[in-house]
């Protein structure tokens, strides 16, 4: 799966999809790729998202952050395949982005992604959407819970 295919399968609104694909084509990801690993550890999510935002620069509609995160989602797709998690669960989980971009448009009249701080849950295979419900894997006292 590539970025274009991901944008299509999660039904990202065309306006935001164009911005994501345009930014991905001109963005040198190497400048902040080193922050990616921190997106997979809950103890470093907040710091990582702040560092990524700083590296991306001015991003009033969140399209740069969305681009960076969706590129990570392409990598996450490989992990879903390795673990035998269905394509439907992957797609429904990643549609998180489209739902919130659409919701922002309904409320504010512009497309924007302001949920970069939450997206690491989906990228790190800690939160899944199954049907209408979302399940988050958490750990408490070294025990995994849902």
C-alpha atoms as a PDB file:
ATOM      1  CA  UNK A   1       0.000   0.000   0.000  1.00  0.00           C
ATOM      2  CA  UNK A   2       1.253   3.484  -0.826  1.00  0.00           C
ATOM      3  CA  UNK A   3       0.091   6.923   0.343  1.00  0.00           C
ATOM      4  CA  UNK A   4      -2.290   7.453  -2.589  1.00  0.00           C
ATOM      5  CA  UNK A   5      -3.935   4.071  -2.002  1.00  0.00           C
ATOM      6  CA  UNK A   6      -4.244   4.764   1.709  1.00  0.00           C
ATOM      7  CA  UNK A   7      -5.891   8.147   1.103  1.00  0.00           C
ATOM      8  CA  UNK A   8      -8.335   6.454  -1.258  1.00  0.00           C
ATOM      9  CA  UNK A   9      -9.172   3.528   1.014  1.00  0.00           C
ATOM     10  CA  UNK A  10      -9.852   5.768   4.029  1.00  0.00           C
ATOM     11  CA  UNK A  11     -11.958   8.108   1.856  1.00  0.00           C
ATOM     12  CA  UNK A  12      -9.938  11.185   2.761  1.00  0.00           C
ATOM     13  CA  UNK A  13     -11.805  14.238   1.412  1.00  0.00           C
ATOM     14  CA  UNK A  14     -10.407  15.319  -1.963  1.00  0.00           C
ATOM     15  CA  UNK A  15      -9.328  18.757  -0.735  1.00  0.00           C
ATOM     16  CA  UNK A  16      -7.200  17.277   2.043  1.00  0.00           C
ATOM     17  CA  UNK A  17      -6.010  14.372  -0.113  1.00  0.00           C
ATOM     18  CA  UNK A  18      -4.585  16.826  -2.670  1.00  0.00           C
ATOM     19  CA  UNK A  19      -2.771  18.720   0.094  1.00  0.00           C
ATOM     20  CA  UNK A  20      -1.390  15.510   1.601  1.00  0.00           C
ATOM     21  CA  UNK A  21      -0.127  14.133  -1.709  1.00  0.00           C
ATOM     22  CA  UNK A  22       1.303  17.504  -2.768  1.00  0.00           C
ATOM     23  CA  UNK A  23       3.181  17.927   0.503  1.00  0.00           C
ATOM     24  CA  UNK A  24       4.449  14.327   0.401  1.00  0.00           C
ATOM     25  CA  UNK A  25       5.896  14.933  -3.084  1.00  0.00           C
ATOM     26  CA  UNK A  26       7.924  17.978  -2.006  1.00  0.00           C
ATOM     27  CA  UNK A  27       8.758  17.100   1.597  1.00  0.00           C
ATOM     28  CA  UNK A  28      12.175  15.732   2.577  1.00  0.00           C
ATOM     29  CA  UNK A  29      11.026  13.319   5.241  1.00  0.00           C
ATOM     30  CA  UNK A  30      14.588  12.607   6.383  1.00  0.00           C
ATOM     31  CA  UNK A  31      14.602  15.854   8.363  1.00  0.00           C
ATOM     32  CA  UNK A  32      12.140  14.484  10.950  1.00  0.00           C
ATOM     33  CA  UNK A  33      11.928  10.751  10.252  1.00  0.00           C
ATOM     34  CA  UNK A  34      14.063  10.143  13.350  1.00  0.00           C
ATOM     35  CA  UNK A  35      11.043  11.079  15.488  1.00  0.00           C
ATOM     36  CA  UNK A  36       8.978   8.235  14.017  1.00  0.00           C
ATOM     37  CA  UNK A  37      10.160   5.568  16.451  1.00  0.00           C
ATOM     38  CA  UNK A  38       8.812   7.571  19.393  1.00  0.00           C
ATOM     39  CA  UNK A  39       5.309   7.343  17.919  1.00  0.00           C
ATOM     40  CA  UNK A  40       5.179   3.655  18.835  1.00  0.00           C
ATOM     41  CA  UNK A  41       5.867   4.049  22.570  1.00  0.00           C
ATOM     42  CA  UNK A  42       3.046   5.574  24.644  1.00  0.00           C
ATOM     43  CA  UNK A  43       5.517   7.169  27.054  1.00  0.00           C
ATOM     44  CA  UNK A  44       6.998   9.275  24.227  1.00  0.00           C
ATOM     45  CA  UNK A  45       3.896  10.133  22.167  1.00  0.00           C
ATOM     46  CA  UNK A  46       3.469  13.693  23.416  1.00  0.00           C
ATOM     47  CA  UNK A  47       7.126  14.596  23.019  1.00  0.00           C
ATOM     48  CA  UNK A  48       7.315  13.017  19.574  1.00  0.00           C
ATOM     49  CA  UNK A  49       4.249  14.828  18.255  1.00  0.00           C
ATOM     50  CA  UNK A  50       5.630  18.168  19.503  1.00  0.00           C
ATOM     51  CA  UNK A  51       9.006  17.508  17.897  1.00  0.00           C
ATOM     52  CA  UNK A  52       7.371  16.470  14.626  1.00  0.00           C
ATOM     53  CA  UNK A  53       5.217  19.611  14.647  1.00  0.00           C
ATOM     54  CA  UNK A  54       8.320  21.721  15.220  1.00  0.00           C
ATOM     55  CA  UNK A  55      10.120  20.012  12.362  1.00  0.00           C
ATOM     56  CA  UNK A  56       7.180  20.469  10.016  1.00  0.00           C
ATOM     57  CA  UNK A  57       6.895  24.188  10.689  1.00  0.00           C
ATOM     58  CA  UNK A  58       3.823  26.305  10.030  1.00  0.00           C
ATOM     59  CA  UNK A  59       0.875  23.952   9.565  1.00  0.00           C
ATOM     60  CA  UNK A  60      -2.377  25.825  10.232  1.00  0.00           C
ATOM     61  CA  UNK A  61      -4.663  23.125   8.805  1.00  0.00           C
ATOM     62  CA  UNK A  62      -2.650  20.146  10.056  1.00  0.00           C
ATOM     63  CA  UNK A  63      -2.159  18.780   6.539  1.00  0.00           C
ATOM     64  CA  UNK A  64       1.606  18.436   7.030  1.00  0.00           C
ATOM     65  CA  UNK A  65       1.127  16.499  10.256  1.00  0.00           C
ATOM     66  CA  UNK A  66      -1.531  14.377   8.575  1.00  0.00           C
ATOM     67  CA  UNK A  67       0.876  13.639   5.724  1.00  0.00           C
ATOM     68  CA  UNK A  68       3.637  12.580   8.089  1.00  0.00           C
ATOM     69  CA  UNK A  69       1.256  10.402  10.106  1.00  0.00           C
ATOM     70  CA  UNK A  70      -0.308   8.794   7.028  1.00  0.00           C
ATOM     71  CA  UNK A  71       3.148   7.886   5.770  1.00  0.00           C
ATOM     72  CA  UNK A  72       3.611   6.094   9.100  1.00  0.00           C
ATOM     73  CA  UNK A  73       0.208   4.433   8.564  1.00  0.00           C
ATOM     74  CA  UNK A  74       1.534   2.976   5.306  1.00  0.00           C
ATOM     75  CA  UNK A  75       4.280   1.361   7.394  1.00  0.00           C
ATOM     76  CA  UNK A  76       1.731   0.273  10.012  1.00  0.00           C
ATOM     77  CA  UNK A  77      -0.205  -1.517   7.270  1.00  0.00           C
ATOM     78  CA  UNK A  78       2.727  -3.928   6.941  1.00  0.00           C
ATOM     79  CA  UNK A  79       2.463  -4.730  10.654  1.00  0.00           C
ATOM     80  CA  UNK A  80      -1.250  -5.446  10.285  1.00  0.00           C
ATOM     81  CA  UNK A  81      -0.430  -7.887   7.493  1.00  0.00           C
ATOM     82  CA  UNK A  82       2.297  -9.608   9.552  1.00  0.00           C
ATOM     83  CA  UNK A  83      -0.093 -10.036  12.470  1.00  0.00           C
ATOM     84  CA  UNK A  84      -2.950 -11.261  10.258  1.00  0.00           C
ATOM     85  CA  UNK A  85      -5.235  -8.335  11.155  1.00  0.00           C
ATOM     86  CA  UNK A  86      -7.856  -7.857   8.472  1.00  0.00           C
ATOM     87  CA  UNK A  87      -7.824  -5.161   5.838  1.00  0.00           C
ATOM     88  CA  UNK A  88     -11.277  -4.086   7.056  1.00  0.00           C
ATOM     89  CA  UNK A  89     -10.019  -3.445  10.583  1.00  0.00           C
ATOM     90  CA  UNK A  90      -7.013  -1.521   9.226  1.00  0.00           C
ATOM     91  CA  UNK A  91      -9.175   0.633   6.970  1.00  0.00           C
ATOM     92  CA  UNK A  92     -11.847   1.277   9.586  1.00  0.00           C
ATOM     93  CA  UNK A  93      -9.191   2.160  12.163  1.00  0.00           C
ATOM     94  CA  UNK A  94      -7.360   4.568   9.859  1.00  0.00           C
ATOM     95  CA  UNK A  95     -10.607   6.212   8.785  1.00  0.00           C
ATOM     96  CA  UNK A  96     -10.204   7.964  12.125  1.00  0.00           C
ATOM     97  CA  UNK A  97      -8.418  10.654  10.082  1.00  0.00           C
ATOM     98  CA  UNK A  98     -11.202  11.118   7.562  1.00  0.00           C
ATOM     99  CA  UNK A  99     -13.917  11.189  10.221  1.00  0.00           C
ATOM    100  CA  UNK A 100     -12.215  13.985  12.115  1.00  0.00           C
ATOM    101  CA  UNK A 101     -11.246  15.965   9.008  1.00  0.00           C
ATOM    102  CA  UNK A 102     -14.900  15.816   7.916  1.00  0.00           C
ATOM    103  CA  UNK A 103     -16.107  16.730  11.415  1.00  0.00           C
ATOM    104  CA  UNK A 104     -13.814  19.760  11.461  1.00  0.00           C
ATOM    105  CA  UNK A 105     -15.275  20.854   8.131  1.00  0.00           C
ATOM    106  CA  UNK A 106     -18.844  20.514   9.425  1.00  0.00           C
ATOM    107  CA  UNK A 107     -18.098  22.561  12.532  1.00  0.00           C
ATOM    108  CA  UNK A 108     -15.654  25.170  11.165  1.00  0.00           C
ATOM    109  CA  UNK A 109     -16.263  25.250   7.402  1.00  0.00           C
ATOM    110  CA  UNK A 110     -12.655  24.301   6.552  1.00  0.00           C
ATOM    111  CA  UNK A 111     -10.855  20.991   6.286  1.00  0.00           C
ATOM    112  CA  UNK A 112      -8.237  20.511   8.985  1.00  0.00           C
ATOM    113  CA  UNK A 113      -6.581  17.750  10.962  1.00  0.00           C
ATOM    114  CA  UNK A 114      -6.074  18.660  14.608  1.00  0.00           C
ATOM    115  CA  UNK A 115      -5.777  15.163  16.032  1.00  0.00           C
ATOM    116  CA  UNK A 116      -2.093  14.426  15.513  1.00  0.00           C
ATOM    117  CA  UNK A 117      -1.733  13.969  19.256  1.00  0.00           C
ATOM    118  CA  UNK A 118      -4.185  11.023  19.195  1.00  0.00           C
ATOM    119  CA  UNK A 119      -3.060   9.265  16.005  1.00  0.00           C
ATOM    120  CA  UNK A 120      -0.070   7.429  17.567  1.00  0.00           C
ATOM    121  CA  UNK A 121      -2.597   5.087  19.214  1.00  0.00           C
ATOM    122  CA  UNK A 122      -3.648   3.779  15.823  1.00  0.00           C
ATOM    123  CA  UNK A 123      -0.133   3.798  14.367  1.00  0.00           C
ATOM    124  CA  UNK A 124       1.279   1.750  17.229  1.00  0.00           C
ATOM    125  CA  UNK A 125      -1.451  -0.907  16.992  1.00  0.00           C
ATOM    126  CA  UNK A 126      -2.885   0.087  20.347  1.00  0.00           C
ATOM    127  CA  UNK A 127      -6.293   1.254  19.158  1.00  0.00           C
ATOM    128  CA  UNK A 128      -8.518  -0.544  16.667  1.00  0.00           C
ATOM    129  CA  UNK A 129     -11.953   0.117  15.255  1.00  0.00           C
ATOM    130  CA  UNK A 130     -14.062  -3.012  14.922  1.00  0.00           C
ATOM    131  CA  UNK A 131     -17.485  -2.240  13.530  1.00  0.00           C
ATOM    132  CA  UNK A 132     -18.853   0.801  15.358  1.00  0.00           C
ATOM    133  CA  UNK A 133     -16.652   0.303  18.414  1.00  0.00           C
ATOM    134  CA  UNK A 134     -13.071   1.297  19.147  1.00  0.00           C
ATOM    135  CA  UNK A 135     -10.828  -0.715  21.438  1.00  0.00           C
ATOM    136  CA  UNK A 136      -7.637   0.560  22.999  1.00  0.00           C
ATOM    137  CA  UNK A 137      -4.911  -1.722  24.330  1.00  0.00           C
ATOM    138  CA  UNK A 138      -3.477  -0.311  27.523  1.00  0.00           C
ATOM    139  CA  UNK A 139      -1.083  -1.568  30.144  1.00  0.00           C
ATOM    140  CA  UNK A 140      -1.522  -1.196  33.877  1.00  0.00           C
ATOM    141  CA  UNK A 141       0.956  -2.679  36.287  1.00  0.00           C
ATOM    142  CA  UNK A 142       2.562  -4.600  33.391  1.00  0.00           C
ATOM    143  CA  UNK A 143      -0.732  -6.252  32.427  1.00  0.00           C
ATOM    144  CA  UNK A 144      -2.307  -5.706  29.035  1.00  0.00           C
ATOM    145  CA  UNK A 145      -5.919  -4.529  29.181  1.00  0.00           C
ATOM    146  CA  UNK A 146      -8.533  -3.489  26.600  1.00  0.00           C
END
